[in-house]
């Protein structure tokens, strides 16, 4: 039986401590601030990143270098027979497709998964992959299973400020100005392929209510064939006080009693585009031992 390593990137929201405890490998993503490259979890932290953003620094996300990625694979393959690499969805970054291209040099020993997930949904894909590896599946089989289950997840997100959607070109300055004056919060959704706008709300409480309504509709339609024990809720956020995170978690549990809730940050690559105070909730099909 092959010894299979599970690897992901920091867009999963997995902490360094979790990666160590779960025995999985994590590639930290680069961030460019005023033309200088920083690496998440290594030479810049959450507070420093959002302070730079607040100071109107030129902040953009980036792909990991070919050398960093392939060096990490070569190092892992000293102790493992195969690798399953689970990067962020190809719909939001070119890093997944790039990794697939680079993996061709490893004669099938590196399997890159595109299961169209990010943050909490990506994190739970990693946990599924670790379970499959313990159950004896090879890397190719794990990739196939994860990609088959790709759309068994739903996530909704809203932002606290329209400033960074405007800077990223997703909305015009006039729309951003009017939206800020009226306290309009867009509700965006990731249903696999890409990030889409699905609703608008006045204020964060209203946006949360709308996101909950969408999740309840998903529960009654897309997820109706799953047992309650096979589903998990997800809560994701950018640079938010801990008391606010706990508040939103409690509200989510009140709306969906009895469901487990997985909490993870939306990392800096996403923070570049949505800014601080963003909130996401999701529903994911999970596998239990």
Protein backbone atom coordinates (compact mmCIF):
# COMPACT_ATOMS: atom_id res chain seq x y z
CA UNK A 1 0.00 0.00 0.00
CA UNK A 2 1.35 3.42 -0.96
CA UNK A 3 2.22 5.93 1.73
CA UNK A 4 0.20 9.00 0.69
CA UNK A 5 0.90 12.57 1.87
CA UNK A 6 -1.88 15.17 1.90
CA UNK A 7 -0.87 18.73 1.09
CA UNK A 8 -2.84 21.96 0.74
CA UNK A 9 -2.22 25.71 0.63
CA UNK A 10 -2.86 28.37 3.25
CA UNK A 11 -6.09 29.44 1.50
CA UNK A 12 -7.69 26.49 3.32
CA UNK A 13 -7.53 28.45 6.57
CA UNK A 14 -5.76 25.56 8.27
CA UNK A 15 -3.46 26.87 11.00
CA UNK A 16 0.15 25.77 11.33
CA UNK A 17 -0.79 23.97 14.55
CA UNK A 18 -3.64 22.10 12.86
CA UNK A 19 -1.40 21.05 9.97
CA UNK A 20 1.08 19.64 12.47
CA UNK A 21 -1.61 17.83 14.49
CA UNK A 22 -3.28 16.38 11.39
CA UNK A 23 0.03 15.38 9.79
CA UNK A 24 -0.63 17.24 6.57
CA UNK A 25 1.59 19.64 4.63
CA UNK A 26 0.80 23.27 3.84
CA UNK A 27 2.21 25.66 1.27
CA UNK A 28 2.01 29.26 2.46
CA UNK A 29 0.79 31.65 -0.21
CA UNK A 30 2.68 34.79 -1.31
CA UNK A 31 1.20 38.28 -0.97
CA UNK A 32 2.57 41.35 -2.77
CA UNK A 33 2.50 44.67 -0.91
CA UNK A 34 3.87 47.71 -2.73
CA UNK A 35 5.80 45.43 -5.10
CA UNK A 36 7.44 43.51 -2.21
CA UNK A 37 6.59 39.83 -1.76
CA UNK A 38 5.63 38.47 1.67
CA UNK A 39 4.69 34.91 2.61
CA UNK A 40 1.61 34.23 4.70
CA UNK A 41 2.33 32.65 8.12
CA UNK A 42 6.05 33.32 7.69
CA UNK A 43 7.02 36.99 7.42
CA UNK A 44 3.66 38.76 7.73
CA UNK A 45 0.74 38.25 10.09
CA UNK A 46 -2.94 39.08 9.88
CA UNK A 47 -2.70 42.37 11.79
CA UNK A 48 0.24 43.65 9.72
CA UNK A 49 -1.49 42.74 6.46
CA UNK A 50 -4.74 44.57 7.23
CA UNK A 51 -2.85 47.57 8.61
CA UNK A 52 -1.05 47.86 5.27
CA UNK A 53 -4.39 47.54 3.47
CA UNK A 54 -5.94 50.23 5.68
CA UNK A 55 -3.03 52.50 4.79
CA UNK A 56 -3.94 52.11 1.09
CA UNK A 57 -0.88 50.08 0.21
CA UNK A 58 -0.98 48.34 -3.16
CA UNK A 59 -1.94 44.84 -1.99
CA UNK A 60 -2.39 41.91 -4.37
CA UNK A 61 -2.43 38.12 -4.20
CA UNK A 62 0.04 35.98 -6.12
CA UNK A 63 0.84 32.39 -7.06
CA UNK A 64 3.55 30.38 -5.31
CA UNK A 65 6.77 30.11 -7.29
CA UNK A 66 7.48 27.00 -9.34
CA UNK A 67 10.65 26.43 -7.33
CA UNK A 68 8.88 26.61 -3.94
CA UNK A 69 6.15 24.23 -5.04
CA UNK A 70 8.39 21.63 -6.66
CA UNK A 71 10.99 21.81 -3.89
CA UNK A 72 8.25 21.05 -1.37
CA UNK A 73 7.01 18.08 -3.42
CA UNK A 74 10.54 16.70 -3.76
CA UNK A 75 11.10 17.02 -0.01
CA UNK A 76 7.83 15.25 0.84
CA UNK A 77 8.57 12.43 -1.61
CA UNK A 78 11.68 11.55 0.37
CA UNK A 79 9.33 10.07 3.01
CA UNK A 80 6.15 9.36 1.04
CA UNK A 81 5.33 7.42 -2.12
CA UNK A 82 2.66 9.83 -3.40
CA UNK A 83 1.18 13.28 -2.78
CA UNK A 84 -2.38 14.58 -3.03
CA UNK A 85 -2.19 18.37 -3.38
CA UNK A 86 -5.41 20.34 -2.72
CA UNK A 87 -4.96 24.02 -3.71
CA UNK A 88 -7.62 26.71 -3.79
CA UNK A 89 -10.25 26.50 -6.52
CA UNK A 90 -9.12 27.11 -10.10
CA UNK A 91 -12.06 29.52 -10.44
CA UNK A 92 -10.31 32.10 -8.23
CA UNK A 93 -6.64 31.55 -9.02
CA UNK A 94 -4.35 30.19 -11.71
CA UNK A 95 -2.24 28.39 -9.10
CA UNK A 96 -4.26 25.16 -9.42
CA UNK A 97 -3.76 24.89 -13.19
CA UNK A 98 -0.09 25.77 -12.82
CA UNK A 99 0.35 23.03 -10.21
CA UNK A 100 -1.33 20.52 -12.53
CA UNK A 101 1.16 21.41 -15.25
CA UNK A 102 4.17 21.13 -12.93
CA UNK A 103 2.94 17.80 -11.52
CA UNK A 104 3.37 16.16 -14.92
CA UNK A 105 7.10 16.00 -14.22
CA UNK A 106 6.52 13.64 -11.27
CA UNK A 107 5.27 10.58 -13.20
CA UNK A 108 1.92 10.39 -11.42
CA UNK A 109 3.38 10.62 -7.93
CA UNK A 110 1.78 14.05 -7.43
CA UNK A 111 -2.00 14.29 -7.92
CA UNK A 112 -3.38 17.85 -7.99
CA UNK A 113 -7.04 18.14 -7.03
CA UNK A 114 -9.35 20.81 -8.41
CA UNK A 115 -12.46 20.36 -6.33
CA UNK A 116 -13.53 24.02 -6.61
CA UNK A 117 -13.27 24.90 -2.94
CA UNK A 118 -11.72 27.51 -0.67
CA UNK A 119 -11.49 28.32 3.04
CA UNK A 120 -13.73 26.10 5.19
CA UNK A 121 -14.86 23.95 2.27
CA UNK A 122 -11.23 23.44 1.22
CA UNK A 123 -10.28 22.65 4.83
CA UNK A 124 -12.91 19.94 5.06
CA UNK A 125 -11.71 18.49 1.73
CA UNK A 126 -8.29 18.11 3.35
CA UNK A 127 -9.86 16.26 6.29
CA UNK A 128 -11.69 13.97 3.84
CA UNK A 129 -8.43 13.32 1.98
CA UNK A 130 -6.66 12.42 5.23
CA UNK A 131 -9.46 9.98 6.01
CA UNK A 132 -9.24 8.38 2.56
CA UNK A 133 -5.46 8.03 2.94
CA UNK A 134 -5.94 6.24 6.28
CA UNK A 135 -8.46 3.96 4.60
CA UNK A 136 -5.82 2.90 2.09
CA UNK A 137 -6.80 4.75 -1.07
CA UNK A 138 -3.95 5.70 -3.43
CA UNK A 139 -3.35 9.31 -4.50
CA UNK A 140 -5.16 8.97 -7.83
CA UNK A 141 -8.21 7.44 -6.15
CA UNK A 142 -8.32 10.23 -3.56
CA UNK A 143 -8.13 12.86 -6.30
CA UNK A 144 -11.01 11.20 -8.17
CA UNK A 145 -13.17 10.97 -5.04
CA UNK A 146 -12.59 14.62 -4.07
CA UNK A 147 -13.33 15.91 -7.57
CA UNK A 148 -16.47 13.76 -7.78
CA UNK A 149 -17.67 15.35 -4.52
CA UNK A 150 -16.61 18.88 -5.53
CA UNK A 151 -20.09 20.37 -5.71
CA UNK A 152 -21.28 18.94 -2.41
CA UNK A 153 -20.53 22.30 -0.83
CA UNK A 154 -22.13 25.73 -0.80
CA UNK A 155 -20.72 29.00 0.52
CA UNK A 156 -22.06 32.57 0.81
CA UNK A 157 -20.03 35.64 1.70
CA UNK A 158 -20.67 39.31 2.38
CA UNK A 159 -18.26 42.20 2.88
CA UNK A 160 -18.09 44.96 5.48
CA UNK A 161 -16.82 47.53 2.98
CA UNK A 162 -17.15 47.90 -0.80
CA UNK A 163 -13.76 49.65 -1.04
CA UNK A 164 -11.75 46.58 -1.98
CA UNK A 165 -14.26 45.19 -4.46
CA UNK A 166 -13.97 48.57 -6.16
CA UNK A 167 -10.15 48.51 -6.08
CA UNK A 168 -10.20 45.05 -7.61
CA UNK A 169 -12.46 46.24 -10.43
CA UNK A 170 -15.45 44.11 -9.42
CA UNK A 171 -17.66 47.17 -8.96
CA UNK A 172 -17.43 50.76 -10.26
CA UNK A 173 -16.54 53.76 -8.04
CA UNK A 174 -20.08 55.15 -8.39
CA UNK A 175 -21.65 51.86 -7.30
CA UNK A 176 -19.23 51.66 -4.37
CA UNK A 177 -20.06 55.23 -3.28
CA UNK A 178 -23.81 54.72 -3.51
CA UNK A 179 -23.58 51.35 -1.78
CA UNK A 180 -21.55 52.81 1.08
CA UNK A 181 -24.03 55.65 1.56
CA UNK A 182 -26.98 53.23 1.66
CA UNK A 183 -25.07 50.61 3.73
CA UNK A 184 -25.63 48.03 0.97
CA UNK A 185 -23.86 44.73 1.47
CA UNK A 186 -23.56 42.43 -1.55
CA UNK A 187 -24.11 38.74 -0.89
CA UNK A 188 -21.79 36.64 -3.05
CA UNK A 189 -21.81 32.90 -3.54
CA UNK A 190 -19.33 30.20 -4.51
CA UNK A 191 -21.15 27.16 -5.88
CA UNK A 192 -18.17 25.44 -7.39
CA UNK A 193 -17.11 27.22 -10.56
CA UNK A 194 -16.82 30.89 -9.62
CA UNK A 195 -17.71 33.75 -7.32
CA UNK A 196 -21.10 35.22 -8.24
CA UNK A 197 -23.35 37.93 -6.86
CA UNK A 198 -26.68 36.54 -5.67
CA UNK A 199 -28.36 39.15 -3.40
CA UNK A 200 -28.05 42.57 -1.78
CA UNK A 201 -28.76 43.59 1.81
CA UNK A 202 -28.87 46.71 3.98
CA UNK A 203 -26.38 46.12 6.76
CA UNK A 204 -24.49 43.08 8.02
CA UNK A 205 -27.39 41.64 10.06
CA UNK A 206 -29.63 41.68 7.02
CA UNK A 207 -26.88 40.13 4.90
CA UNK A 208 -26.42 37.34 7.44
CA UNK A 209 -30.17 36.67 7.41
CA UNK A 210 -30.19 36.44 3.61
CA UNK A 211 -27.21 34.07 3.63
CA UNK A 212 -28.99 31.85 6.15
CA UNK A 213 -32.10 31.80 3.95
CA UNK A 214 -30.00 30.69 0.98
CA UNK A 215 -28.39 27.92 3.05
CA UNK A 216 -31.77 26.68 4.26
CA UNK A 217 -32.96 26.54 0.65
CA UNK A 218 -29.82 24.56 -0.28
CA UNK A 219 -30.50 22.21 2.62
CA UNK A 220 -33.99 21.50 1.30
CA UNK A 221 -32.84 21.04 -2.30
CA UNK A 222 -29.21 20.25 -3.14
CA UNK A 223 -28.47 18.58 0.19
CA UNK A 224 -31.80 16.89 0.90
CA UNK A 225 -30.44 13.40 0.13
CA UNK A 226 -27.78 13.63 2.85
CA UNK A 227 -28.26 12.57 6.44
CA UNK A 228 -27.80 15.34 8.99
CA UNK A 229 -24.75 13.52 10.36
CA UNK A 230 -23.08 13.87 6.94
CA UNK A 231 -23.27 17.67 6.87
CA UNK A 232 -21.25 20.41 8.51
CA UNK A 233 -21.71 24.16 8.66
CA UNK A 234 -18.81 26.47 7.92
CA UNK A 235 -18.07 29.97 9.20
CA UNK A 236 -15.32 32.05 7.59
CA UNK A 237 -14.19 35.62 8.19
CA UNK A 238 -11.49 38.22 7.56
CA UNK A 239 -9.80 40.19 10.38
CA UNK A 240 -12.68 40.25 12.83
CA UNK A 241 -12.66 40.57 16.66
CA UNK A 242 -12.96 37.19 18.40
CA UNK A 243 -16.16 38.26 20.16
CA UNK A 244 -17.78 38.99 16.77
CA UNK A 245 -16.69 35.59 15.43
CA UNK A 246 -18.28 33.90 18.45
CA UNK A 247 -21.44 35.97 18.01
CA UNK A 248 -21.88 34.91 14.37
CA UNK A 249 -21.11 31.30 15.27
CA UNK A 250 -23.82 31.32 17.95
CA UNK A 251 -26.33 32.85 15.54
CA UNK A 252 -25.48 30.20 12.95
CA UNK A 253 -25.98 27.44 15.52
CA UNK A 254 -29.33 28.96 16.51
CA UNK A 255 -30.48 28.84 12.89
CA UNK A 256 -29.20 25.29 12.31
CA UNK A 257 -29.39 23.48 15.68
CA UNK A 258 -27.55 20.17 15.92
CA UNK A 259 -25.13 20.75 13.04
CA UNK A 260 -21.39 20.95 13.76
CA UNK A 261 -19.75 24.26 12.85
CA UNK A 262 -16.23 24.47 11.42
CA UNK A 263 -14.65 27.93 11.81
CA UNK A 264 -11.68 29.13 9.74
CA UNK A 265 -10.31 32.49 8.55
CA UNK A 266 -10.52 33.66 4.97
CA UNK A 267 -6.84 34.12 4.32
CA UNK A 268 -4.88 37.06 2.95
CA UNK A 269 -5.26 36.00 -0.70
CA UNK A 270 -9.01 36.52 -0.28
CA UNK A 271 -8.59 39.49 2.05
CA UNK A 272 -6.87 41.33 -0.81
CA UNK A 273 -10.21 41.41 -2.62
CA UNK A 274 -12.80 41.64 0.19
CA UNK A 275 -11.00 43.58 2.94
CA UNK A 276 -11.45 43.19 6.71
CA UNK A 277 -14.75 42.28 8.33
CA UNK A 278 -15.98 39.95 5.58
CA UNK A 279 -18.20 37.09 6.71
CA UNK A 280 -18.95 33.80 5.01
CA UNK A 281 -21.16 30.84 5.92
CA UNK A 282 -21.39 27.50 4.18
CA UNK A 283 -22.78 23.98 4.12
CA UNK A 284 -20.54 21.03 3.28
CA UNK A 285 -20.99 17.27 2.89
CA UNK A 286 -18.35 15.61 5.07
CA UNK A 287 -17.17 12.07 5.69
CA UNK A 288 -16.83 10.54 9.13
CA UNK A 289 -14.82 7.53 10.23
